[in-house]
N, C-alpha and C. Protein backbone atom coordinates (compact mmCIF):
# COMPACT_ATOMS: atom_id res chain seq x y z
N MET A 1 -3.42 -17.88 -27.83
CA MET A 1 -3.97 -18.13 -27.64
C MET A 1 -4.08 -18.68 -25.84
N ARG A 2 -4.66 -19.30 -25.43
CA ARG A 2 -4.13 -19.44 -23.27
C ARG A 2 -3.92 -21.08 -23.73
N ASP A 3 -3.16 -21.32 -22.75
CA ASP A 3 -3.00 -22.39 -22.14
C ASP A 3 -3.64 -23.22 -21.41
N HIS A 4 -4.42 -24.18 -22.22
CA HIS A 4 -5.50 -24.74 -21.49
C HIS A 4 -4.87 -25.67 -20.26
N HIS A 5 -3.43 -25.99 -19.93
CA HIS A 5 -3.02 -26.68 -19.51
C HIS A 5 -2.22 -26.21 -18.06
N ILE A 6 -2.48 -25.21 -17.64
CA ILE A 6 -1.98 -24.36 -16.34
C ILE A 6 -2.20 -24.69 -15.21
N LYS A 7 -3.35 -25.34 -15.06
CA LYS A 7 -3.46 -25.70 -13.77
C LYS A 7 -2.57 -26.87 -13.25
N GLU A 8 -2.56 -27.74 -14.62
CA GLU A 8 -1.97 -28.96 -14.51
C GLU A 8 -0.34 -28.47 -14.55
N ASN A 9 0.06 -27.74 -15.03
CA ASN A 9 1.42 -27.08 -15.25
C ASN A 9 1.72 -26.86 -13.69
N ILE A 10 0.91 -25.92 -12.94
CA ILE A 10 1.11 -25.00 -11.58
C ILE A 10 1.00 -26.35 -10.67
N LEU A 11 0.36 -27.00 -10.74
CA LEU A 11 0.60 -28.06 -9.93
C LEU A 11 1.52 -29.04 -9.96
N PHE A 12 1.62 -29.57 -10.92
CA PHE A 12 3.17 -30.26 -11.38
C PHE A 12 4.16 -29.28 -10.81
N GLN A 13 4.49 -28.03 -10.68
CA GLN A 13 5.24 -27.41 -10.83
C GLN A 13 5.50 -27.04 -8.98
N LEU A 14 4.34 -26.96 -8.38
CA LEU A 14 4.21 -26.79 -6.90
C LEU A 14 4.40 -28.12 -6.36
N ASP A 15 4.19 -29.57 -7.05
CA ASP A 15 4.52 -30.86 -6.40
C ASP A 15 6.25 -30.67 -6.12
N MET A 16 6.54 -30.57 -7.26
CA MET A 16 8.28 -30.29 -7.10
C MET A 16 8.68 -29.02 -6.23
N CYS A 17 8.50 -27.98 -5.88
CA CYS A 17 8.72 -27.44 -4.88
C CYS A 17 8.70 -28.12 -3.76
N TRP A 18 7.60 -29.24 -3.62
CA TRP A 18 7.07 -29.62 -2.21
C TRP A 18 7.92 -30.64 -1.70
N GLN A 19 8.42 -31.73 -2.80
CA GLN A 19 9.17 -32.48 -2.91
C GLN A 19 10.59 -32.29 -2.52
N LEU A 20 10.75 -30.63 -2.76
CA LEU A 20 12.40 -30.28 -2.12
C LEU A 20 12.28 -29.78 -0.45
N TYR A 21 11.33 -29.31 -0.36
CA TYR A 21 11.01 -28.68 1.16
C TYR A 21 10.61 -30.01 1.86
N LEU A 22 10.04 -30.90 1.75
CA LEU A 22 9.79 -32.66 2.28
C LEU A 22 11.56 -32.74 2.74
N TYR A 23 12.31 -32.88 1.63
CA TYR A 23 13.67 -33.53 1.50
C TYR A 23 14.34 -32.74 2.54
N HIS A 24 14.46 -31.23 2.47
CA HIS A 24 15.27 -30.68 3.64
C HIS A 24 14.71 -30.38 4.99
N THR A 25 12.96 -30.94 5.18
CA THR A 25 12.85 -30.41 6.79
C THR A 25 13.25 -32.28 6.65
N GLU A 26 13.44 -33.14 6.82
CA GLU A 26 12.92 -34.75 6.69
C GLU A 26 14.47 -34.44 8.10
N ASN A 27 13.85 -35.22 9.10
CA ASN A 27 14.90 -35.43 10.36
C ASN A 27 15.31 -34.15 10.57
N LEU A 28 14.80 -32.86 10.38
CA LEU A 28 14.96 -32.19 11.16
C LEU A 28 15.00 -31.71 12.47
N GLU A 29 15.20 -31.37 13.28
CA GLU A 29 15.18 -31.12 14.99
C GLU A 29 15.04 -29.81 15.38
N ASP A 30 14.87 -29.47 16.48
CA ASP A 30 14.30 -28.12 17.04
C ASP A 30 15.85 -27.20 16.99
N ALA A 31 17.01 -27.95 17.92
CA ALA A 31 18.15 -27.03 18.09
C ALA A 31 18.98 -26.81 16.63
N GLU A 32 18.35 -27.53 15.88
CA GLU A 32 18.68 -27.08 14.36
C GLU A 32 18.62 -26.29 13.61
N ALA A 33 16.78 -25.92 13.93
CA ALA A 33 16.29 -25.22 13.22
C ALA A 33 16.09 -23.91 14.03
N LEU A 34 15.97 -23.65 15.50
CA LEU A 34 16.50 -22.48 16.17
C LEU A 34 18.07 -21.49 16.19
N TRP A 35 18.72 -22.58 15.57
CA TRP A 35 20.36 -22.11 15.33
C TRP A 35 20.26 -20.64 14.81
N ALA A 36 20.55 -19.41 14.84
CA ALA A 36 20.88 -18.66 14.03
C ALA A 36 22.53 -18.73 13.80
N PHE A 37 22.84 -18.68 12.42
CA PHE A 37 24.40 -18.32 12.10
C PHE A 37 24.99 -17.07 12.95
N LYS A 38 23.96 -16.41 12.26
CA LYS A 38 24.66 -14.57 13.36
C LYS A 38 23.30 -14.25 14.16
N PRO A 39 23.37 -13.90 15.20
CA PRO A 39 22.33 -12.90 16.15
C PRO A 39 21.49 -11.96 15.86
N SER A 40 22.05 -11.56 14.74
CA SER A 40 21.13 -9.90 13.94
C SER A 40 19.95 -11.08 12.92
N GLY A 41 20.29 -11.90 12.28
CA GLY A 41 19.86 -12.55 11.09
C GLY A 41 18.20 -13.22 11.91
N LEU A 42 16.91 -13.00 10.67
CA LEU A 42 15.74 -13.13 11.06
C LEU A 42 15.80 -14.48 12.34
N GLN A 43 14.54 -14.28 13.30
CA GLN A 43 14.53 -15.34 14.05
C GLN A 43 13.33 -15.82 14.72
N VAL A 44 12.59 -16.54 15.07
CA VAL A 44 12.19 -16.60 15.90
C VAL A 44 12.41 -16.88 17.27
N ARG A 45 11.99 -15.91 18.32
CA ARG A 45 12.76 -16.23 19.61
C ARG A 45 11.48 -15.77 20.91
N LYS A 46 12.15 -17.38 21.44
CA LYS A 46 11.34 -17.28 22.85
C LYS A 46 11.31 -16.29 24.12
N GLN A 47 10.10 -16.35 24.25
CA GLN A 47 10.19 -15.11 25.34
C GLN A 47 8.96 -15.85 26.40
N ASP A 48 8.88 -14.89 27.37
CA ASP A 48 7.89 -15.30 28.67
C ASP A 48 6.54 -15.27 28.06
N ASP A 49 6.03 -15.03 27.56
CA ASP A 49 4.57 -15.00 26.85
C ASP A 49 5.02 -16.21 25.37
N GLY A 50 5.50 -16.16 25.00
CA GLY A 50 5.42 -17.05 23.60
C GLY A 50 6.73 -16.95 23.10
N TRP A 51 6.26 -16.60 21.68
CA TRP A 51 7.27 -16.52 20.72
C TRP A 51 7.29 -15.08 19.61
N ARG A 52 8.23 -14.32 19.73
CA ARG A 52 8.60 -13.32 19.07
C ARG A 52 9.09 -13.57 17.56
N ILE A 53 8.36 -13.06 16.47
CA ILE A 53 8.94 -13.28 15.24
C ILE A 53 9.66 -12.11 14.77
N ASP A 54 10.66 -12.01 14.38
CA ASP A 54 11.58 -10.74 13.68
C ASP A 54 10.77 -10.80 12.19
N TRP A 55 11.03 -9.41 12.19
CA TRP A 55 10.04 -9.10 10.70
C TRP A 55 11.07 -8.06 10.46
N PRO A 56 11.70 -7.97 8.89
CA PRO A 56 12.94 -6.79 9.02
C PRO A 56 12.05 -5.27 8.11
N GLU A 57 13.02 -4.31 8.95
CA GLU A 57 12.13 -3.11 8.43
C GLU A 57 12.71 -2.94 7.35
N LYS A 58 13.87 -3.35 6.79
CA LYS A 58 14.14 -3.39 5.23
C LYS A 58 15.08 -4.79 5.08
N GLU A 59 15.30 -5.34 3.96
CA GLU A 59 16.07 -6.38 3.51
C GLU A 59 17.37 -5.93 3.41
N SER A 60 18.34 -6.46 3.94
CA SER A 60 19.98 -6.45 3.90
C SER A 60 20.36 -7.60 4.36
N TYR A 61 21.33 -7.55 3.01
CA TYR A 61 22.28 -8.68 3.58
C TYR A 61 23.26 -8.62 4.49
N GLU A 62 22.90 -7.65 5.48
CA GLU A 62 24.18 -7.18 6.29
C GLU A 62 23.58 -8.26 7.66
N ILE A 63 21.98 -8.57 7.50
CA ILE A 63 21.17 -8.99 8.48
C ILE A 63 22.04 -10.83 8.74
N GLY A 64 22.18 -11.08 8.15
CA GLY A 64 22.62 -12.50 7.68
C GLY A 64 21.29 -13.15 7.23
N PRO A 65 21.35 -14.71 7.61
CA PRO A 65 20.59 -15.68 7.13
C PRO A 65 19.95 -15.69 8.20
N SER A 66 18.67 -15.97 7.84
CA SER A 66 17.55 -16.22 8.88
C SER A 66 17.74 -17.67 9.40
N SER A 67 16.72 -18.08 10.64
CA SER A 67 17.32 -19.47 11.14
C SER A 67 16.23 -20.01 10.31
N ILE A 68 16.60 -21.41 10.45
CA ILE A 68 15.45 -22.46 10.06
C ILE A 68 13.85 -21.84 9.86
N ALA A 69 13.78 -21.96 11.73
CA ALA A 69 12.55 -21.99 12.44
C ALA A 69 11.85 -20.42 11.76
N TRP A 70 12.52 -19.73 11.35
CA TRP A 70 12.07 -18.26 11.13
C TRP A 70 11.46 -18.56 9.59
N THR A 71 12.04 -19.29 8.38
CA THR A 71 11.84 -19.54 7.33
C THR A 71 10.29 -20.30 7.44
N MET A 72 10.72 -21.62 8.22
CA MET A 72 9.39 -21.93 8.17
C MET A 72 8.35 -21.27 8.34
N TRP A 73 8.41 -20.56 9.85
CA TRP A 73 7.67 -19.56 10.09
C TRP A 73 6.76 -18.71 8.91
N HIS A 74 7.74 -18.27 8.13
CA HIS A 74 7.64 -17.34 7.09
C HIS A 74 7.05 -18.55 5.92
N ILE A 75 7.02 -19.40 5.78
CA ILE A 75 6.14 -20.47 4.98
C ILE A 75 4.65 -20.11 5.28
N ILE A 76 4.55 -20.40 6.73
CA ILE A 76 3.26 -20.58 7.29
C ILE A 76 2.72 -19.28 7.07
N TYR A 77 3.13 -18.02 7.08
CA TYR A 77 2.80 -16.46 7.02
C TYR A 77 2.03 -16.04 5.90
N TRP A 78 3.20 -16.66 4.58
CA TRP A 78 2.47 -16.51 3.17
C TRP A 78 1.70 -17.31 2.96
N TRP A 79 1.50 -18.85 2.85
CA TRP A 79 0.44 -19.31 2.77
C TRP A 79 -0.88 -19.13 3.21
N THR A 80 -0.68 -18.94 5.16
CA THR A 80 -1.78 -18.71 5.57
C THR A 80 -2.70 -17.39 4.88
N THR A 81 -1.47 -16.53 4.68
CA THR A 81 -1.85 -15.20 4.01
C THR A 81 -2.77 -15.44 2.58
N ALA A 82 -1.74 -15.94 1.93
CA ALA A 82 -2.40 -16.32 0.49
C ALA A 82 -4.22 -16.82 0.49
N LEU A 83 -4.27 -17.35 1.41
CA LEU A 83 -5.52 -18.25 1.40
C LEU A 83 -6.24 -17.62 2.06
N ASP A 84 -5.84 -16.64 3.46
CA ASP A 84 -7.01 -16.17 3.96
C ASP A 84 -7.68 -14.67 2.90
N CYS A 85 -5.88 -14.40 2.27
CA CYS A 85 -6.86 -12.90 1.06
C CYS A 85 -7.47 -13.19 -0.08
N ASN A 86 -7.10 -14.64 -0.50
CA ASN A 86 -7.13 -15.31 -2.19
C ASN A 86 -8.71 -15.36 -1.99
N PHE A 87 -9.26 -16.86 -0.65
CA PHE A 87 -10.03 -17.28 -0.72
C PHE A 87 -10.68 -16.82 0.71
N GLY A 88 -10.45 -16.40 1.31
CA GLY A 88 -10.91 -15.76 2.59
C GLY A 88 -11.27 -14.15 3.05
N ASP A 89 -11.71 -13.96 3.62
CA ASP A 89 -11.87 -12.47 3.60
C ASP A 89 -11.01 -11.48 4.56
N GLY A 90 -9.74 -12.23 4.22
CA GLY A 90 -8.34 -10.88 4.07
C GLY A 90 -8.56 -10.33 5.41
N THR A 91 -8.78 -11.01 6.73
CA THR A 91 -8.44 -9.96 7.46
C THR A 91 -7.31 -10.28 8.53
N LEU A 92 -6.54 -11.19 8.39
CA LEU A 92 -5.62 -11.56 9.17
C LEU A 92 -4.07 -10.55 9.11
N ASN A 93 -3.70 -10.45 10.20
CA ASN A 93 -2.38 -9.73 10.14
C ASN A 93 -1.36 -10.72 10.76
N ILE A 94 -0.50 -10.29 9.89
CA ILE A 94 1.04 -10.56 10.71
C ILE A 94 1.15 -10.97 11.87
N GLU A 95 0.38 -10.29 13.01
CA GLU A 95 0.31 -10.89 14.42
C GLU A 95 -0.22 -11.80 14.83
N ASP A 96 -1.20 -12.52 14.02
CA ASP A 96 -2.24 -13.22 14.32
C ASP A 96 -1.71 -14.64 13.41
N ILE A 97 -0.17 -14.79 13.17
CA ILE A 97 0.23 -16.10 12.89
C ILE A 97 1.25 -16.06 13.38
N PRO A 98 1.05 -16.92 14.48
CA PRO A 98 2.49 -17.44 15.54
C PRO A 98 3.24 -18.05 14.44
N TRP A 99 4.44 -18.37 15.66
CA TRP A 99 4.72 -19.60 15.65
C TRP A 99 4.81 -20.80 16.38
N PRO A 100 4.32 -22.44 15.75
CA PRO A 100 4.16 -23.10 15.96
C PRO A 100 4.37 -23.53 17.69
N GLY A 101 5.46 -23.30 17.62
CA GLY A 101 6.62 -23.82 18.98
C GLY A 101 7.78 -24.69 18.80
N ASN A 102 7.54 -25.63 17.67
CA ASN A 102 8.62 -26.78 17.29
C ASN A 102 8.99 -26.94 16.14
N VAL A 103 9.44 -27.75 15.52
CA VAL A 103 9.51 -28.14 14.22
C VAL A 103 8.25 -29.17 13.85
N GLU A 104 8.08 -29.79 14.53
CA GLU A 104 7.06 -31.07 14.17
C GLU A 104 5.84 -30.66 14.03
N LYS A 105 5.28 -29.48 15.17
CA LYS A 105 4.15 -28.54 14.94
C LYS A 105 4.18 -27.81 13.20
N ALA A 106 5.64 -27.32 13.16
CA ALA A 106 5.27 -26.15 12.20
C ALA A 106 5.19 -27.11 11.30
N LYS A 107 5.74 -27.94 11.08
CA LYS A 107 5.08 -29.13 9.76
C LYS A 107 4.17 -29.54 9.37
N GLU A 108 3.27 -29.78 10.47
CA GLU A 108 2.07 -30.12 10.70
C GLU A 108 1.38 -28.96 10.00
N THR A 109 1.60 -27.78 10.49
CA THR A 109 1.22 -27.06 9.92
C THR A 109 1.13 -26.05 8.72
N ILE A 110 2.51 -26.24 8.44
CA ILE A 110 2.84 -26.11 7.21
C ILE A 110 1.98 -27.19 5.81
N LYS A 111 2.29 -28.82 6.60
CA LYS A 111 1.34 -29.67 5.66
C LYS A 111 0.01 -29.46 5.54
N LEU A 112 -0.98 -28.67 6.37
CA LEU A 112 -2.32 -28.65 6.36
C LEU A 112 -2.32 -27.29 5.26
N LEU A 113 -1.75 -26.43 5.36
CA LEU A 113 -1.85 -25.61 4.25
C LEU A 113 -1.17 -25.73 3.23
N HIS A 114 -0.49 -26.63 2.93
CA HIS A 114 -0.32 -27.13 2.00
C HIS A 114 -1.45 -27.72 0.83
N ASP A 115 -2.19 -28.91 1.53
CA ASP A 115 -3.21 -29.53 1.77
C ASP A 115 -4.12 -28.67 1.21
N LYS A 116 -4.52 -28.17 1.96
CA LYS A 116 -6.03 -26.55 1.65
C LYS A 116 -5.63 -25.74 0.55
N TRP A 117 -4.19 -25.75 0.78
CA TRP A 117 -3.76 -24.82 -0.82
C TRP A 117 -4.08 -25.63 -2.13
N VAL A 118 -3.75 -26.81 -2.06
CA VAL A 118 -3.81 -27.99 -3.43
C VAL A 118 -5.43 -28.14 -3.64
N SER A 119 -5.77 -28.20 -2.40
CA SER A 119 -7.40 -28.72 -2.59
C SER A 119 -7.85 -27.16 -3.49
N LYS A 120 -7.83 -26.12 -2.73
CA LYS A 120 -8.45 -24.65 -3.67
C LYS A 120 -7.66 -24.94 -4.96
N LEU A 121 -6.68 -25.23 -5.32
CA LEU A 121 -5.82 -24.78 -6.77
C LEU A 121 -6.95 -25.86 -7.77
N ASN A 122 -7.05 -27.05 -7.18
CA ASN A 122 -7.69 -28.42 -7.87
C ASN A 122 -9.08 -27.85 -8.09
N GLU A 123 -10.04 -27.18 -7.07
CA GLU A 123 -11.40 -26.82 -7.76
C GLU A 123 -11.84 -25.79 -8.37
N LEU A 124 -10.60 -25.05 -9.17
CA LEU A 124 -10.43 -23.95 -9.57
C LEU A 124 -10.75 -24.26 -10.93
N SER A 125 -11.17 -24.05 -11.80
CA SER A 125 -11.03 -24.11 -13.56
C SER A 125 -9.99 -23.54 -13.99
N GLU A 126 -10.08 -24.19 -15.02
CA GLU A 126 -8.64 -23.65 -16.10
C GLU A 126 -9.04 -22.31 -16.05
N GLU A 127 -10.24 -21.66 -16.49
CA GLU A 127 -10.28 -20.31 -17.06
C GLU A 127 -10.18 -19.69 -15.54
N ASP A 128 -10.51 -20.07 -14.31
CA ASP A 128 -10.18 -19.54 -12.92
C ASP A 128 -8.76 -18.70 -13.04
N TYR A 129 -8.13 -19.82 -13.37
CA TYR A 129 -6.67 -19.41 -13.79
C TYR A 129 -6.11 -17.81 -14.19
N HIS A 130 -7.11 -17.75 -15.23
CA HIS A 130 -6.82 -16.77 -15.59
C HIS A 130 -7.48 -15.54 -15.52
N LEU A 131 -8.66 -15.04 -14.04
CA LEU A 131 -9.50 -14.41 -13.46
C LEU A 131 -8.48 -13.87 -12.81
N LYS A 132 -9.16 -12.38 -12.42
CA LYS A 132 -8.57 -11.63 -11.17
C LYS A 132 -9.39 -12.34 -9.76
N GLN A 133 -10.55 -12.71 -9.93
CA GLN A 133 -11.44 -12.96 -8.95
C GLN A 133 -10.31 -13.35 -7.65
N TYR A 134 -9.72 -14.53 -7.85
CA TYR A 134 -9.19 -15.05 -6.45
C TYR A 134 -7.29 -14.39 -6.66
N ALA A 135 -7.39 -13.40 -7.05
CA ALA A 135 -5.86 -12.82 -7.54
C ALA A 135 -5.80 -11.44 -6.57
N LYS A 136 -5.94 -11.70 -4.95
CA LYS A 136 -6.05 -10.43 -4.28
C LYS A 136 -4.21 -10.26 -3.24
N TRP A 137 -3.70 -11.07 -3.18
CA TRP A 137 -2.83 -10.98 -2.69
C TRP A 137 -1.27 -11.78 -3.02
N PRO A 138 -0.40 -11.67 -3.15
CA PRO A 138 0.70 -10.62 -3.09
C PRO A 138 0.41 -9.55 -4.19
N LEU A 139 0.08 -10.33 -5.15
CA LEU A 139 0.56 -9.39 -6.10
C LEU A 139 -1.73 -8.64 -6.95
N GLU A 140 -0.77 -7.14 -6.93
CA GLU A 140 -2.30 -6.57 -7.83
C GLU A 140 -2.69 -6.53 -9.09
N ASP A 141 -3.86 -6.87 -9.21
CA ASP A 141 -3.93 -6.60 -11.12
C ASP A 141 -3.40 -7.57 -11.62
N ARG A 142 -3.25 -8.26 -11.41
CA ARG A 142 -2.58 -10.02 -11.90
C ARG A 142 -4.05 -11.03 -11.72
N ASN A 143 -3.32 -12.43 -12.97
CA ASN A 143 -4.87 -13.00 -12.94
C ASN A 143 -3.80 -14.23 -11.78
N PHE A 144 -4.96 -15.22 -11.29
CA PHE A 144 -4.80 -16.16 -10.28
C PHE A 144 -3.67 -16.47 -10.65
N ALA A 145 -3.33 -17.35 -11.90
CA ALA A 145 -2.35 -18.10 -12.37
C ALA A 145 -0.85 -17.05 -11.85
N ASP A 146 -0.67 -15.94 -12.18
CA ASP A 146 0.26 -15.37 -11.39
C ASP A 146 0.54 -15.40 -9.84
N ILE A 147 -0.58 -15.21 -9.13
CA ILE A 147 -0.49 -15.63 -7.77
C ILE A 147 0.13 -17.16 -7.29
N ALA A 148 -0.80 -18.43 -8.06
CA ALA A 148 -0.10 -19.68 -8.08
C ALA A 148 1.69 -19.86 -7.96
N LEU A 149 1.68 -19.15 -9.27
CA LEU A 149 3.10 -19.22 -9.37
C LEU A 149 4.09 -18.42 -8.51
N TRP A 150 3.72 -17.36 -7.72
CA TRP A 150 5.03 -16.79 -6.93
C TRP A 150 4.43 -17.74 -5.77
N LEU A 151 3.42 -18.03 -5.49
CA LEU A 151 3.62 -18.69 -4.28
C LEU A 151 4.40 -20.02 -4.31
N ASN A 152 4.41 -20.77 -5.20
CA ASN A 152 5.35 -21.98 -5.84
C ASN A 152 7.03 -21.25 -6.13
N GLY A 153 7.17 -20.70 -6.97
CA GLY A 153 8.60 -19.71 -6.39
C GLY A 153 8.84 -19.83 -5.07
N GLU A 154 8.49 -19.27 -4.44
CA GLU A 154 8.02 -18.76 -2.71
C GLU A 154 8.82 -20.14 -2.09
N LEU A 155 7.50 -20.57 -2.24
CA LEU A 155 8.13 -22.22 -1.84
C LEU A 155 9.43 -23.31 -1.96
N MET A 156 9.75 -22.49 -3.24
CA MET A 156 10.83 -23.13 -4.15
C MET A 156 12.06 -22.65 -3.00
N LYS A 157 11.67 -21.02 -3.19
CA LYS A 157 13.18 -20.24 -2.23
C LYS A 157 12.96 -20.71 -1.21
N ASN A 158 12.14 -20.70 -0.51
CA ASN A 158 12.08 -21.07 0.75
C ASN A 158 12.98 -22.18 1.56
N ALA A 159 11.96 -23.39 0.57
CA ALA A 159 12.67 -24.75 0.63
C ALA A 159 14.27 -24.69 0.73
N ALA A 160 15.28 -23.94 -0.47
CA ALA A 160 16.39 -23.61 -0.94
C ALA A 160 17.18 -23.25 0.21
N GLU A 161 16.50 -22.23 1.48
CA GLU A 161 16.88 -21.58 2.34
C GLU A 161 16.84 -22.33 3.40
N ILE A 162 16.09 -23.14 3.55
CA ILE A 162 16.06 -24.31 4.71
C ILE A 162 17.47 -25.65 4.49
N GLY A 163 17.47 -25.63 3.25
CA GLY A 163 18.63 -26.48 2.95
C GLY A 163 19.71 -25.73 3.24
N TYR A 164 20.04 -24.72 3.22
CA TYR A 164 21.22 -23.79 3.03
C TYR A 164 21.58 -23.57 4.60
N GLY A 165 20.37 -23.43 5.04
CA GLY A 165 20.58 -23.10 6.37
C GLY A 165 21.09 -24.55 7.37
N ARG A 166 20.82 -25.79 6.77
CA ARG A 166 21.40 -27.17 7.36
C ARG A 166 22.47 -27.55 6.87
N PHE A 167 23.24 -26.91 5.84
CA PHE A 167 25.00 -26.91 5.51
C PHE A 167 25.29 -26.29 6.58
N LEU A 168 24.82 -24.68 6.34
CA LEU A 168 25.35 -24.18 7.31
C LEU A 168 25.38 -24.47 8.85
N TYR A 169 24.47 -24.99 9.22
CA TYR A 169 24.53 -25.38 10.78
C TYR A 169 25.28 -27.18 10.86
N ALA A 170 25.51 -27.65 9.68
CA ALA A 170 26.61 -28.53 10.04
C ALA A 170 28.05 -28.47 9.61
N THR A 171 27.98 -27.49 8.96
CA THR A 171 29.52 -27.24 9.10
C THR A 171 30.02 -26.60 10.32
N CYS A 172 28.99 -25.54 10.98
CA CYS A 172 29.29 -24.78 11.71
C CYS A 172 29.18 -25.44 13.66
N ILE A 173 28.37 -26.45 13.13
CA ILE A 173 28.24 -26.75 14.62
C ILE A 173 28.55 -27.86 15.30
N LYS A 174 28.16 -28.90 13.22
CA LYS A 174 28.75 -30.72 14.38
C LYS A 174 29.86 -30.68 13.70
């Protein structure tokens, strides 16, 4: 028998993850977000023509922790991509998803993506969560509930990484 409350449970879990994200980004400033514990860690890097986003060829502990700005960009990346692939035409590439330029703009972008995602989740019926129709990225051959649960886990992980980055910054810089 299917759980007829999967939609409600997913939205509840998303809200918990969102609250953690909001907690860790409150009063976050650009200098803290752009700071890197180690130069090799994933970062958004200012260049003459805008920002360059690091993308690892392989994941490795040796590269060190990501900057908070990179982690915020990563939230923008996967949420934008999830919306585009699962509810749009799926044509965006990683290069189409820039760093907004500062923390406040990143927070605004993430809030807009959150609200758009929640709206999409609310539009779906309970039955839609059990179908593959809206499940195209990042998991193949899964139902949409699995996509939504993955995204909740990704948000929780990224929120925790932002918090960890703030702990590192507070003990190393301040």
